[in-house]
C-alpha atoms as a PDB file:
ATOM      1  CA  MET A   1     155.372 128.168  81.044  1.00  0.00           C
ATOM      2  CA  ILE A   2     152.748 125.872  79.509  1.00  0.00           C
ATOM      3  CA  LEU A   3     153.855 122.751  77.631  1.00  0.00           C
ATOM      4  CA  ILE A   4     151.868 120.993  74.921  1.00  0.00           C
ATOM      5  CA  LEU A   5     151.709 117.186  75.050  1.00  0.00           C
ATOM      6  CA  ILE A   6     150.480 115.295  71.977  1.00  0.00           C
ATOM      7  CA  PRO A   7     150.056 111.483  72.007  1.00  0.00           C
ATOM      8  CA  ALA A   8     150.114 110.284  68.383  1.00  0.00           C
ATOM      9  CA  LEU A   9     149.306 106.981  66.685  1.00  0.00           C
ATOM     10  CA  ASN A  10     149.713 106.780  62.896  1.00  0.00           C
ATOM     11  CA  PRO A  11     149.330 110.556  62.377  1.00  0.00           C
ATOM     12  CA  ASP A  12     149.020 112.263  58.999  1.00  0.00           C
ATOM     13  CA  GLU A  13     149.801 115.782  57.771  1.00  0.00           C
ATOM     14  CA  LYS A  14     147.363 117.212  60.288  1.00  0.00           C
ATOM     15  CA  LEU A  15     149.975 116.700  63.016  1.00  0.00           C
ATOM     16  CA  ILE A  16     152.544 118.743  61.095  1.00  0.00           C
ATOM     17  CA  ASN A  17     150.007 121.521  60.518  1.00  0.00           C
ATOM     18  CA  LEU A  18     149.071 121.450  64.205  1.00  0.00           C
ATOM     19  CA  ILE A  19     152.700 121.830  65.293  1.00  0.00           C
ATOM     20  CA  LYS A  20     153.222 124.727  62.868  1.00  0.00           C
ATOM     21  CA  GLU A  21     150.142 126.548  64.159  1.00  0.00           C
ATOM     22  CA  LEU A  22     151.145 126.000  67.791  1.00  0.00           C
ATOM     23  CA  ILE A  23     154.617 127.415  67.143  1.00  0.00           C
ATOM     24  CA  ASP A  24     153.147 130.373  65.241  1.00  0.00           C
ATOM     25  CA  VAL A  25     151.069 131.422  68.260  1.00  0.00           C
ATOM     26  CA  GLY A  26     154.004 131.107  70.647  1.00  0.00           C
ATOM     27  CA  TYR A  27     154.089 127.540  71.999  1.00  0.00           C
ATOM     28  CA  LYS A  28     157.735 126.524  71.669  1.00  0.00           C
ATOM     29  CA  ASN A  29     157.786 123.610  74.115  1.00  0.00           C
ATOM     30  CA  ILE A  30     155.915 120.732  72.488  1.00  0.00           C
ATOM     31  CA  VAL A  31     156.332 117.053  73.349  1.00  0.00           C
ATOM     32  CA  VAL A  32     154.991 114.455  70.908  1.00  0.00           C
ATOM     33  CA  VAL A  33     154.760 110.786  71.904  1.00  0.00           C
ATOM     34  CA  ASN A  34     154.907 108.366  68.974  1.00  0.00           C
ATOM     35  CA  ASP A  35     152.819 105.483  70.300  1.00  0.00           C
ATOM     36  CA  GLY A  36     154.237 102.737  68.086  1.00  0.00           C
ATOM     37  CA  SER A  37     153.075 104.214  64.789  1.00  0.00           C
ATOM     38  CA  LYS A  38     153.618 102.300  61.554  1.00  0.00           C
ATOM     39  CA  SER A  39     156.905 102.828  59.705  1.00  0.00           C
ATOM     40  CA  SER A  40     155.241 104.867  56.947  1.00  0.00           C
ATOM     41  CA  CYS A  41     154.690 107.641  59.521  1.00  0.00           C
ATOM     42  CA  ARG A  42     158.419 108.046  60.129  1.00  0.00           C
ATOM     43  CA  GLY A  43     158.584 111.041  57.803  1.00  0.00           C
ATOM     44  CA  ILE A  44     155.817 112.791  59.752  1.00  0.00           C
ATOM     45  CA  PHE A  45     157.757 112.530  62.995  1.00  0.00           C
ATOM     46  CA  GLU A  46     161.009 113.621  61.341  1.00  0.00           C
ATOM     47  CA  GLU A  47     159.244 116.730  60.053  1.00  0.00           C
ATOM     48  CA  VAL A  48     157.855 117.371  63.535  1.00  0.00           C
ATOM     49  CA  LYS A  49     161.389 117.229  64.938  1.00  0.00           C
ATOM     50  CA  LEU A  50     162.643 119.666  62.303  1.00  0.00           C
ATOM     51  CA  LEU A  51     159.936 122.089  63.353  1.00  0.00           C
ATOM     52  CA  GLY A  52     161.362 122.067  66.881  1.00  0.00           C
ATOM     53  CA  ALA A  53     159.085 119.672  68.772  1.00  0.00           C
ATOM     54  CA  THR A  54     160.488 116.905  70.973  1.00  0.00           C
ATOM     55  CA  VAL A  55     159.540 113.374  69.908  1.00  0.00           C
ATOM     56  CA  THR A  56     159.742 110.384  72.234  1.00  0.00           C
ATOM     57  CA  SER A  57     158.650 106.967  70.999  1.00  0.00           C
ATOM     58  CA  HIS A  58     157.229 103.588  71.936  1.00  0.00           C
ATOM     59  CA  CYS A  59     158.591 100.760  69.800  1.00  0.00           C
ATOM     60  CA  THR A  60     155.102  99.228  69.759  1.00  0.00           C
ATOM     61  CA  ASN A  61     151.594 100.530  70.355  1.00  0.00           C
ATOM     62  CA  LEU A  62     150.969 100.687  74.116  1.00  0.00           C
ATOM     63  CA  GLY A  63     147.824 102.806  74.145  1.00  0.00           C
ATOM     64  CA  LYS A  64     146.858 106.449  74.601  1.00  0.00           C
ATOM     65  CA  GLY A  65     146.963 106.250  78.390  1.00  0.00           C
ATOM     66  CA  ARG A  66     150.509 104.924  78.375  1.00  0.00           C
ATOM     67  CA  ALA A  67     151.542 107.538  75.783  1.00  0.00           C
ATOM     68  CA  ILE A  68     150.242 110.323  78.031  1.00  0.00           C
ATOM     69  CA  LYS A  69     152.150 108.870  81.001  1.00  0.00           C
ATOM     70  CA  THR A  70     155.320 108.625  78.895  1.00  0.00           C
ATOM     71  CA  GLY A  71     154.967 112.271  77.943  1.00  0.00           C
ATOM     72  CA  ILE A  72     154.304 113.318  81.537  1.00  0.00           C
ATOM     73  CA  ASN A  73     157.355 111.380  82.715  1.00  0.00           C
ATOM     74  CA  TYR A  74     159.522 113.148  80.133  1.00  0.00           C
ATOM     75  CA  ILE A  75     158.170 116.543  81.179  1.00  0.00           C
ATOM     76  CA  LEU A  76     158.701 115.875  84.887  1.00  0.00           C
ATOM     77  CA  ASN A  77     162.320 114.929  84.210  1.00  0.00           C
ATOM     78  CA  ASN A  78     163.137 117.741  81.778  1.00  0.00           C
ATOM     79  CA  TYR A  79     160.839 120.706  82.483  1.00  0.00           C
ATOM     80  CA  PRO A  80     160.588 121.145  86.264  1.00  0.00           C
ATOM     81  CA  GLU A  81     160.035 124.878  85.766  1.00  0.00           C
ATOM     82  CA  CYS A  82     156.815 124.547  83.740  1.00  0.00           C
ATOM     83  CA  THR A  83     153.479 125.526  85.282  1.00  0.00           C
ATOM     84  CA  GLY A  84     151.304 122.982  83.529  1.00  0.00           C
ATOM     85  CA  VAL A  85     150.626 120.756  80.541  1.00  0.00           C
ATOM     86  CA  VAL A  86     147.893 120.875  77.919  1.00  0.00           C
ATOM     87  CA  THR A  87     147.204 117.524  76.244  1.00  0.00           C
ATOM     88  CA  VAL A  88     146.084 117.776  72.613  1.00  0.00           C
ATOM     89  CA  ASP A  89     144.934 115.089  70.184  1.00  0.00           C
ATOM     90  CA  ALA A  90     146.989 114.602  67.019  1.00  0.00           C
ATOM     91  CA  ASP A  91     144.061 114.173  64.626  1.00  0.00           C
ATOM     92  CA  GLY A  92     143.191 117.823  64.057  1.00  0.00           C
ATOM     93  CA  GLN A  93     140.040 117.886  66.193  1.00  0.00           C
ATOM     94  CA  HIS A  94     141.306 120.661  68.455  1.00  0.00           C
ATOM     95  CA  ARG A  95     141.440 124.174  67.048  1.00  0.00           C
ATOM     96  CA  ILE A  96     144.280 126.503  67.999  1.00  0.00           C
ATOM     97  CA  ALA A  97     141.896 129.059  69.495  1.00  0.00           C
ATOM     98  CA  ASP A  98     140.453 126.374  71.780  1.00  0.00           C
ATOM     99  CA  ILE A  99     143.892 125.140  72.818  1.00  0.00           C
ATOM    100  CA  GLN A 100     144.772 128.713  73.722  1.00  0.00           C
ATOM    101  CA  LYS A 101     141.572 129.094  75.762  1.00  0.00           C
ATOM    102  CA  CYS A 102     142.395 126.009  77.792  1.00  0.00           C
ATOM    103  CA  ALA A 103     146.034 127.072  78.212  1.00  0.00           C
ATOM    104  CA  ASN A 104     144.994 130.539  79.406  1.00  0.00           C
ATOM    105  CA  GLU A 105     142.544 129.030  81.884  1.00  0.00           C
ATOM    106  CA  LEU A 106     145.290 126.716  83.130  1.00  0.00           C
ATOM    107  CA  GLU A 107     147.683 129.642  83.605  1.00  0.00           C
ATOM    108  CA  GLU A 108     145.135 131.276  85.892  1.00  0.00           C
ATOM    109  CA  LYS A 109     144.485 128.132  87.935  1.00  0.00           C
ATOM    110  CA  HIS A 110     147.818 126.281  87.854  1.00  0.00           C
ATOM    111  CA  GLN A 111     148.365 126.734  91.599  1.00  0.00           C
ATOM    112  CA  SER A 112     144.986 125.268  92.537  1.00  0.00           C
ATOM    113  CA  ASN A 113     143.439 121.804  92.466  1.00  0.00           C
ATOM    114  CA  HIS A 114     141.750 122.293  89.106  1.00  0.00           C
ATOM    115  CA  ILE A 115     141.981 120.492  85.793  1.00  0.00           C
ATOM    116  CA  VAL A 116     140.746 122.291  82.682  1.00  0.00           C
ATOM    117  CA  LEU A 117     138.593 120.324  80.244  1.00  0.00           C
ATOM    118  CA  GLY A 118     137.921 121.469  76.698  1.00  0.00           C
ATOM    119  CA  CYS A 119     134.305 120.343  76.304  1.00  0.00           C
ATOM    120  CA  ARG A 120     132.702 119.691  72.949  1.00  0.00           C
ATOM    121  CA  GLN A 121     129.005 120.354  72.411  1.00  0.00           C
ATOM    122  CA  PHE A 122     127.367 117.139  71.176  1.00  0.00           C
ATOM    123  CA  VAL A 123     124.548 118.695  69.179  1.00  0.00           C
ATOM    124  CA  ASN A 124     124.252 119.072  65.414  1.00  0.00           C
ATOM    125  CA  GLN A 125     124.898 122.613  64.245  1.00  0.00           C
ATOM    126  CA  ALA A 126     124.700 124.348  60.876  1.00  0.00           C
ATOM    127  CA  ASP A 127     128.363 123.651  60.108  1.00  0.00           C
ATOM    128  CA  VAL A 128     128.925 120.556  62.261  1.00  0.00           C
ATOM    129  CA  LYS A 129     127.251 117.137  62.092  1.00  0.00           C
ATOM    130  CA  VAL A 130     128.117 115.031  65.121  1.00  0.00           C
ATOM    131  CA  PRO A 131     128.390 111.286  64.311  1.00  0.00           C
ATOM    132  CA  PHE A 132     125.566 109.286  65.875  1.00  0.00           C
ATOM    133  CA  ARG A 133     127.930 106.982  67.800  1.00  0.00           C
ATOM    134  CA  SER A 134     129.646 109.994  69.378  1.00  0.00           C
ATOM    135  CA  ARG A 135     126.369 111.693  70.289  1.00  0.00           C
ATOM    136  CA  LEU A 136     124.846 108.532  71.770  1.00  0.00           C
ATOM    137  CA  GLY A 137     128.033 107.613  73.615  1.00  0.00           C
ATOM    138  CA  ASN A 138     128.291 111.051  75.168  1.00  0.00           C
ATOM    139  CA  ILE A 139     124.678 111.091  76.335  1.00  0.00           C
ATOM    140  CA  CYS A 140     124.921 107.640  77.929  1.00  0.00           C
ATOM    141  CA  THR A 141     128.268 108.336  79.576  1.00  0.00           C
ATOM    142  CA  ARG A 142     127.230 111.762  80.830  1.00  0.00           C
ATOM    143  CA  TYR A 143     124.165 110.479  82.668  1.00  0.00           C
ATOM    144  CA  ILE A 144     125.849 107.356  84.008  1.00  0.00           C
ATOM    145  CA  LEU A 145     128.646 109.475  85.467  1.00  0.00           C
ATOM    146  CA  ARG A 146     126.249 112.085  86.805  1.00  0.00           C
ATOM    147  CA  TYR A 147     123.753 109.827  88.542  1.00  0.00           C
ATOM    148  CA  LEU A 148     125.912 106.854  89.498  1.00  0.00           C
ATOM    149  CA  CYS A 149     129.368 108.369  90.053  1.00  0.00           C
ATOM    150  CA  ASN A 150     128.414 111.936  91.048  1.00  0.00           C
ATOM    151  CA  LEU A 151     130.717 113.291  88.343  1.00  0.00           C
ATOM    152  CA  HIS A 152     129.265 116.275  86.516  1.00  0.00           C
ATOM    153  CA  VAL A 153     131.139 116.837  83.263  1.00  0.00           C
ATOM    154  CA  VAL A 154     129.802 117.412  79.755  1.00  0.00           C
ATOM    155  CA  ASP A 155     132.595 115.710  77.803  1.00  0.00           C
ATOM    156  CA  SER A 156     134.307 112.923  79.766  1.00  0.00           C
ATOM    157  CA  GLN A 157     136.322 111.743  76.753  1.00  0.00           C
ATOM    158  CA  THR A 158     137.820 115.041  75.679  1.00  0.00           C
ATOM    159  CA  GLY A 159     141.515 114.809  74.878  1.00  0.00           C
ATOM    160  CA  LEU A 160     142.011 118.554  75.384  1.00  0.00           C
ATOM    161  CA  ARG A 161     142.937 118.914  79.047  1.00  0.00           C
ATOM    162  CA  GLY A 162     144.940 121.430  81.047  1.00  0.00           C
ATOM    163  CA  ILE A 163     146.805 119.880  83.984  1.00  0.00           C
ATOM    164  CA  PRO A 164     148.762 121.839  86.642  1.00  0.00           C
ATOM    165  CA  PHE A 165     152.361 120.695  87.082  1.00  0.00           C
ATOM    166  CA  HIS A 166     151.884 119.681  90.730  1.00  0.00           C
ATOM    167  CA  LEU A 167     149.252 117.108  89.702  1.00  0.00           C
ATOM    168  CA  LEU A 168     151.449 115.389  87.095  1.00  0.00           C
ATOM    169  CA  PRO A 169     153.071 112.895  89.526  1.00  0.00           C
ATOM    170  CA  ARG A 170     149.602 111.735  90.607  1.00  0.00           C
ATOM    171  CA  LEU A 171     148.589 111.182  86.973  1.00  0.00           C
ATOM    172  CA  MET A 172     151.526 108.798  86.577  1.00  0.00           C
ATOM    173  CA  THR A 173     149.951 106.441  89.143  1.00  0.00           C
ATOM    174  CA  ILE A 174     146.414 106.300  87.728  1.00  0.00           C
ATOM    175  CA  SER A 175     145.524 102.923  86.237  1.00  0.00           C
ATOM    176  CA  GLY A 176     144.724 102.405  82.561  1.00  0.00           C
ATOM    177  CA  GLU A 177     146.889 102.128  79.471  1.00  0.00           C
ATOM    178  CA  ARG A 178     144.446 102.954  76.686  1.00  0.00           C
ATOM    179  CA  TYR A 179     141.311 105.064  76.334  1.00  0.00           C
ATOM    180  CA  GLU A 180     140.037 104.059  79.763  1.00  0.00           C
ATOM    181  CA  TYR A 181     142.874 106.088  81.296  1.00  0.00           C
ATOM    182  CA  GLU A 182     141.145 109.393  80.560  1.00  0.00           C
ATOM    183  CA  MET A 183     137.984 108.195  82.305  1.00  0.00           C
ATOM    184  CA  ASN A 184     139.964 106.830  85.260  1.00  0.00           C
ATOM    185  CA  MET A 185     141.684 110.200  85.559  1.00  0.00           C
ATOM    186  CA  LEU A 186     138.362 111.956  86.083  1.00  0.00           C
ATOM    187  CA  LEU A 187     136.953 109.357  88.479  1.00  0.00           C
ATOM    188  CA  ASP A 188     140.088 109.073  90.623  1.00  0.00           C
ATOM    189  CA  LEU A 189     140.797 112.800  90.847  1.00  0.00           C
ATOM    190  CA  ALA A 190     137.158 113.655  91.565  1.00  0.00           C
ATOM    191  CA  ASP A 191     137.351 111.257  94.529  1.00  0.00           C
ATOM    192  CA  GLU A 192     140.374 113.194  95.781  1.00  0.00           C
ATOM    193  CA  GLY A 193     138.746 116.610  95.690  1.00  0.00           C
ATOM    194  CA  ILE A 194     140.073 117.822  92.349  1.00  0.00           C
ATOM    195  CA  HIS A 195     137.725 120.192  90.506  1.00  0.00           C
ATOM    196  CA  PHE A 196     137.121 120.358  86.769  1.00  0.00           C
ATOM    197  CA  VAL A 197     136.786 123.625  84.887  1.00  0.00           C
ATOM    198  CA  GLU A 198     134.925 123.145  81.616  1.00  0.00           C
ATOM    199  CA  VAL A 199     135.787 125.389  78.696  1.00  0.00           C
ATOM    200  CA  PRO A 200     133.403 125.140  75.708  1.00  0.00           C
ATOM    201  CA  ILE A 201     135.276 124.350  72.492  1.00  0.00           C
ATOM    202  CA  GLN A 202     134.390 123.880  68.860  1.00  0.00           C
ATOM    203  CA  THR A 203     133.191 120.419  67.883  1.00  0.00           C
ATOM    204  CA  VAL A 204     135.160 119.081  64.930  1.00  0.00           C
ATOM    205  CA  TYR A 205     134.489 115.780  63.149  1.00  0.00           C
ATOM    206  CA  GLU A 206     136.334 115.458  59.876  1.00  0.00           C
ATOM    207  CA  ASP A 207     135.299 112.590  57.552  1.00  0.00           C
ATOM    208  CA  ASN A 208     132.686 111.534  60.148  1.00  0.00           C
ATOM    209  CA  ASN A 209     135.531 110.913  62.605  1.00  0.00           C
ATOM    210  CA  SER A 210     136.810 108.059  60.423  1.00  0.00           C
ATOM    211  CA  ILE A 211     140.445 108.460  61.509  1.00  0.00           C
ATOM    212  CA  SER A 212     139.678 107.948  65.177  1.00  0.00           C
ATOM    213  CA  HIS A 213     141.430 104.956  66.774  1.00  0.00           C
ATOM    214  CA  PHE A 214     138.614 104.624  69.331  1.00  0.00           C
ATOM    215  CA  ASN A 215     136.854 101.241  69.125  1.00  0.00           C
ATOM    216  CA  PRO A 216     133.274 101.869  70.361  1.00  0.00           C
ATOM    217  CA  LEU A 217     132.781  98.346  71.734  1.00  0.00           C
ATOM    218  CA  ALA A 218     136.192  97.282  73.029  1.00  0.00           C
ATOM    219  CA  ASP A 219     137.178 100.683  74.416  1.00  0.00           C
ATOM    220  CA  SER A 220     133.768 101.329  75.976  1.00  0.00           C
ATOM    221  CA  VAL A 221     134.164  98.102  77.948  1.00  0.00           C
ATOM    222  CA  LYS A 222     137.469  99.423  79.305  1.00  0.00           C
ATOM    223  CA  ILE A 223     136.019 102.859  80.030  1.00  0.00           C
ATOM    224  CA  TYR A 224     133.108 101.418  82.003  1.00  0.00           C
ATOM    225  CA  THR A 225     135.273  98.853  83.804  1.00  0.00           C
ATOM    226  CA  VAL A 226     134.307 100.032  87.309  1.00  0.00           C
ATOM    227  CA  ILE A 227     130.605  99.828  86.522  1.00  0.00           C
ATOM    228  CA  ILE A 228     131.037  96.445  84.806  1.00  0.00           C
ATOM    229  CA  LYS A 229     132.964  94.992  87.756  1.00  0.00           C
ATOM    230  CA  TYR A 230     130.356  96.361  90.156  1.00  0.00           C
ATOM    231  CA  SER A 231     127.600  94.811  88.037  1.00  0.00           C
ATOM    232  CA  MET A 232     129.302  91.407  88.055  1.00  0.00           C
ATOM    233  CA  ALA A 233     129.854  91.549  91.813  1.00  0.00           C
ATOM    234  CA  SER A 234     126.257  92.644  92.327  1.00  0.00           C
ATOM    235  CA  LEU A 235     124.996  89.872  90.055  1.00  0.00           C
ATOM    236  CA  LEU A 236     126.892  87.186  91.978  1.00  0.00           C
ATOM    237  CA  SER A 237     125.769  88.669  95.283  1.00  0.00           C
ATOM    238  CA  ALA A 238     122.177  88.847  94.048  1.00  0.00           C
ATOM    239  CA  VAL A 239     122.306  85.195  93.023  1.00  0.00           C
ATOM    240  CA  LEU A 240     123.541  84.265  96.482  1.00  0.00           C
ATOM    241  CA  ASP A 241     120.994  86.553  98.149  1.00  0.00           C
ATOM    242  CA  ASN A 242     118.004  85.393  96.092  1.00  0.00           C
ATOM    243  CA  LEU A 243     119.007  81.734  96.234  1.00  0.00           C
ATOM    244  CA  THR A 244     119.043  81.938 100.013  1.00  0.00           C
ATOM    245  CA  PHE A 245     115.690  83.761  99.954  1.00  0.00           C
ATOM    246  CA  ALA A 246     114.173  81.131  97.651  1.00  0.00           C
ATOM    247  CA  LEU A 247     115.434  78.242  99.751  1.00  0.00           C
ATOM    248  CA  LEU A 248     114.003  79.810 102.882  1.00  0.00           C
ATOM    249  CA  THR A 249     110.560  79.998 101.236  1.00  0.00           C
ATOM    250  CA  LEU A 250     110.687  76.186 101.036  1.00  0.00           C
ATOM    251  CA  SER A 251     111.312  75.856 104.759  1.00  0.00           C
ATOM    252  CA  PRO A 252     108.648  73.856 106.672  1.00  0.00           C
ATOM    253  CA  TYR A 253     108.820  76.569 109.321  1.00  0.00           C
ATOM    254  CA  HIS A 254     107.122  79.932 108.915  1.00  0.00           C
ATOM    255  CA  ILE A 255     109.731  82.640 108.302  1.00  0.00           C
ATOM    256  CA  SER A 256     108.633  86.217 107.726  1.00  0.00           C
ATOM    257  CA  ILE A 257     109.610  88.097 104.567  1.00  0.00           C
ATOM    258  CA  TRP A 258     111.634  90.498 106.709  1.00  0.00           C
ATOM    259  CA  ALA A 259     113.622  87.647 108.238  1.00  0.00           C
ATOM    260  CA  MET A 260     114.194  85.938 104.884  1.00  0.00           C
ATOM    261  CA  THR A 261     115.353  89.237 103.369  1.00  0.00           C
ATOM    262  CA  PHE A 262     117.915  89.938 106.078  1.00  0.00           C
ATOM    263  CA  ILE A 263     119.212  86.377 106.212  1.00  0.00           C
ATOM    264  CA  GLY A 264     119.842  86.479 102.463  1.00  0.00           C
ATOM    265  CA  ARG A 265     121.370  89.931 102.744  1.00  0.00           C
ATOM    266  CA  ALA A 266     123.685  88.898 105.572  1.00  0.00           C
ATOM    267  CA  ILE A 267     125.011  85.848 103.708  1.00  0.00           C
ATOM    268  CA  SER A 268     125.711  87.774 100.494  1.00  0.00           C
ATOM    269  CA  ALA A 269     126.965  90.911 102.285  1.00  0.00           C
ATOM    270  CA  ILE A 270     130.352  89.528 103.341  1.00  0.00           C
ATOM    271  CA  PHE A 271     131.083  88.417  99.780  1.00  0.00           C
ATOM    272  CA  ASN A 272     129.831  91.667  98.248  1.00  0.00           C
ATOM    273  CA  PHE A 273     131.704  93.925 100.677  1.00  0.00           C
ATOM    274  CA  SER A 274     135.012  92.110 100.125  1.00  0.00           C
ATOM    275  CA  ILE A 275     134.724  92.166  96.328  1.00  0.00           C
ATOM    276  CA  ASN A 276     133.648  95.800  96.123  1.00  0.00           C
ATOM    277  CA  LYS A 277     136.364  96.944  98.528  1.00  0.00           C
ATOM    278  CA  LYS A 278     139.273  95.054  96.961  1.00  0.00           C
ATOM    279  CA  VAL A 279     138.316  94.638  93.298  1.00  0.00           C
ATOM    280  CA  VAL A 280     135.669  97.162  92.252  1.00  0.00           C
ATOM    281  CA  PHE A 281     136.513 100.386  94.089  1.00  0.00           C
ATOM    282  CA  LYS A 282     140.019  99.278  95.149  1.00  0.00           C
ATOM    283  CA  ARG A 283     140.067 100.882  98.588  1.00  0.00           C
ATOM    284  CA  SER A 284     142.662  99.445 100.960  1.00  0.00           C
ATOM    285  CA  GLU A 285     142.218 102.001 103.728  1.00  0.00           C
ATOM    286  CA  GLY A 286     139.604 102.453 106.454  1.00  0.00           C
ATOM    287  CA  LEU A 287     138.290  98.906 106.930  1.00  0.00           C
ATOM    288  CA  TRP A 288     136.155  99.581 109.992  1.00  0.00           C
ATOM    289  CA  GLY A 289     134.761 102.875 108.775  1.00  0.00           C
ATOM    290  CA  GLN A 290     133.840 101.345 105.433  1.00  0.00           C
ATOM    291  CA  ALA A 291     132.401  98.269 107.127  1.00  0.00           C
ATOM    292  CA  PHE A 292     130.223 100.456 109.361  1.00  0.00           C
ATOM    293  CA  ARG A 293     128.952 102.519 106.409  1.00  0.00           C
ATOM    294  CA  TYR A 294     128.339  99.331 104.425  1.00  0.00           C
ATOM    295  CA  LEU A 295     126.391  97.852 107.360  1.00  0.00           C
ATOM    296  CA  CYS A 296     124.232 100.980 107.532  1.00  0.00           C
ATOM    297  CA  LEU A 297     123.573 100.721 103.799  1.00  0.00           C
ATOM    298  CA  LEU A 298     122.805  97.019 104.197  1.00  0.00           C
ATOM    299  CA  ILE A 299     120.231  97.671 106.918  1.00  0.00           C
ATOM    300  CA  ILE A 300     118.577 100.585 105.113  1.00  0.00           C
ATOM    301  CA  SER A 301     118.589  98.880 101.717  1.00  0.00           C
ATOM    302  CA  GLY A 302     117.342  95.624 103.204  1.00  0.00           C
ATOM    303  CA  SER A 303     114.533  97.432 105.031  1.00  0.00           C
ATOM    304  CA  ILE A 304     113.446  99.207 101.862  1.00  0.00           C
ATOM    305  CA  SER A 305     113.540  95.931  99.933  1.00  0.00           C
ATOM    306  CA  ALA A 306     111.581  94.002 102.545  1.00  0.00           C
ATOM    307  CA  PHE A 307     108.977  96.765 102.859  1.00  0.00           C
ATOM    308  CA  PHE A 308     108.246  96.984  99.146  1.00  0.00           C
ATOM    309  CA  VAL A 309     108.397  93.237  98.526  1.00  0.00           C
ATOM    310  CA  ASN A 310     105.990  92.695 101.400  1.00  0.00           C
ATOM    311  CA  ALA A 311     103.652  95.510 100.323  1.00  0.00           C
ATOM    312  CA  ILE A 312     103.561  94.590  96.632  1.00  0.00           C
ATOM    313  CA  HIS A 313     103.151  90.883  97.340  1.00  0.00           C
ATOM    314  CA  ALA A 314     100.285  91.574  99.727  1.00  0.00           C
ATOM    315  CA  ALA A 315      98.564  94.040  97.393  1.00  0.00           C
ATOM    316  CA  PHE A 316      98.787  92.114  94.135  1.00  0.00           C
ATOM    317  CA  ALA A 317      99.439  88.501  95.194  1.00  0.00           C
ATOM    318  CA  ALA A 318     102.284  88.463  92.681  1.00  0.00           C
ATOM    319  CA  ASN A 319     105.025  85.848  92.662  1.00  0.00           C
ATOM    320  CA  ILE A 320     107.222  86.825  95.582  1.00  0.00           C
ATOM    321  CA  ILE A 321     110.498  85.883  93.852  1.00  0.00           C
ATOM    322  CA  LEU A 322     109.616  88.003  90.801  1.00  0.00           C
ATOM    323  CA  VAL A 323     108.646  90.944  92.997  1.00  0.00           C
ATOM    324  CA  LYS A 324     111.943  90.726  94.870  1.00  0.00           C
ATOM    325  CA  LEU A 325     113.944  90.658  91.625  1.00  0.00           C
ATOM    326  CA  ILE A 326     112.185  93.805  90.376  1.00  0.00           C
ATOM    327  CA  VAL A 327     112.712  95.674  93.652  1.00  0.00           C
ATOM    328  CA  GLU A 328     116.379  94.616  93.856  1.00  0.00           C
ATOM    329  CA  THR A 329     117.006  95.741  90.274  1.00  0.00           C
ATOM    330  CA  ILE A 330     115.823  99.229  91.144  1.00  0.00           C
ATOM    331  CA  LEU A 331     117.890  99.271  94.326  1.00  0.00           C
ATOM    332  CA  TYR A 332     120.984  98.229  92.318  1.00  0.00           C
ATOM    333  CA  PHE A 333     121.426 101.760  90.979  1.00  0.00           C
ATOM    334  CA  VAL A 334     120.862 103.362  94.373  1.00  0.00           C
ATOM    335  CA  ASN A 335     123.364 101.019  96.009  1.00  0.00           C
ATOM    336  CA  PHE A 336     126.032 101.722  93.387  1.00  0.00           C
ATOM    337  CA  TYR A 337     125.716 105.459  93.931  1.00  0.00           C
ATOM    338  CA  VAL A 338     125.892 105.159  97.710  1.00  0.00           C
ATOM    339  CA  GLN A 339     128.851 102.741  97.677  1.00  0.00           C
ATOM    340  CA  LYS A 340     130.807 104.765  95.119  1.00  0.00           C
ATOM    341  CA  ASN A 341     130.276 108.134  96.773  1.00  0.00           C
ATOM    342  CA  PHE A 342     129.901 107.325 100.493  1.00  0.00           C
ATOM    343  CA  VAL A 343     130.765 103.786 101.581  1.00  0.00           C
ATOM    344  CA  PHE A 344     134.019 103.467  99.628  1.00  0.00           C
ATOM    345  CA  ALA A 345     134.738 107.163  99.055  1.00  0.00           C
ATOM    346  CA  ARG A 346     138.349 108.130  99.609  1.00  0.00           C
ATOM    347  CA  LYS A 347     138.955 110.018 102.839  1.00  0.00           C
ATOM    348  CA  GLY A 348     141.935 112.202 103.711  1.00  0.00           C
ATOM    349  CA  GLU A 349     143.619 111.966 100.302  1.00  0.00           C
ATOM    350  CA  LYS A 350     143.167 115.479  99.079  1.00  0.00           C
ATOM    351  CA  ILE A 351     146.000 116.705  96.883  1.00  0.00           C
ATOM    352  CA  ASN A 352     147.331 120.091  97.867  1.00  0.00           C
ATOM    353  CA  ALA A 353     148.892 122.570  95.521  1.00  0.00           C
ATOM    354  CA  ASN A 354     152.491 123.480  96.124  1.00  0.00           C
END
């Protein structure tokens, strides 16, 4: 049995029409979470109840992530016999045929470690014009996730997802209360060996997506929180590293570029490792293994930096501090990828199907 879970904030008649269409094609078990909608929406939720859907409510707006967790908690307590849950947005952007495709795919894979993603195609078509902010946001996010986080998905922000029942308890523990929750879900589960099955769906943007509650600036900051925290930690570490390097260039004693590079690296490394482990990637396990991998990265990265700084400085007689900053900026992206996917990768936390 597949359940439908719909988080809703200030819905309109589209929610009622969605419920009717779901019931017409055979989905009788529908849970709607009223995420602190305004009082004028009370009639919408009453109509939804009359149609046969279950409505559970937040007294104030707590965010889409929290609404999904509330719905999952209700399902875990009341539908232990279900095979999985399909989350659907309340704004009419998911067509019934696409919901059915994702539900059917979930039925086939509900005993495995797979999550089904209904993926929109972010290209303008004859009958669909994708808003510029959505197209740009998808392109940026897709490549950041692919090349920095090793996560290969077309539509990381899709609200149409099929989740096997045995993975629901894990979803309750994933951090994030608002839109960042859906991104955290992908990043955390990918680390744990969960696979994502992408099902192409129709792209729908009514009224240029004007009814969306997504704030491009504020919510993007939350979505990219891991990358932002890593950037801040890297910036502080780079300041410490380069300050040490610069001070050593003023030494009355001759110190080679290689020595100055590794002294700066060593001083900033303890700070950077601690921050990345505890704050950025939040890994509490495997101290010595992570420390060893980090040390290997430190040596390799430092060697690459020293080699290129030395070579470029010798070839072009450029300002050595400027050359180092350019080289370190390039290495920033390489280091993020290696730390995210190797140094601080989760080990031994695979989730097994029942």
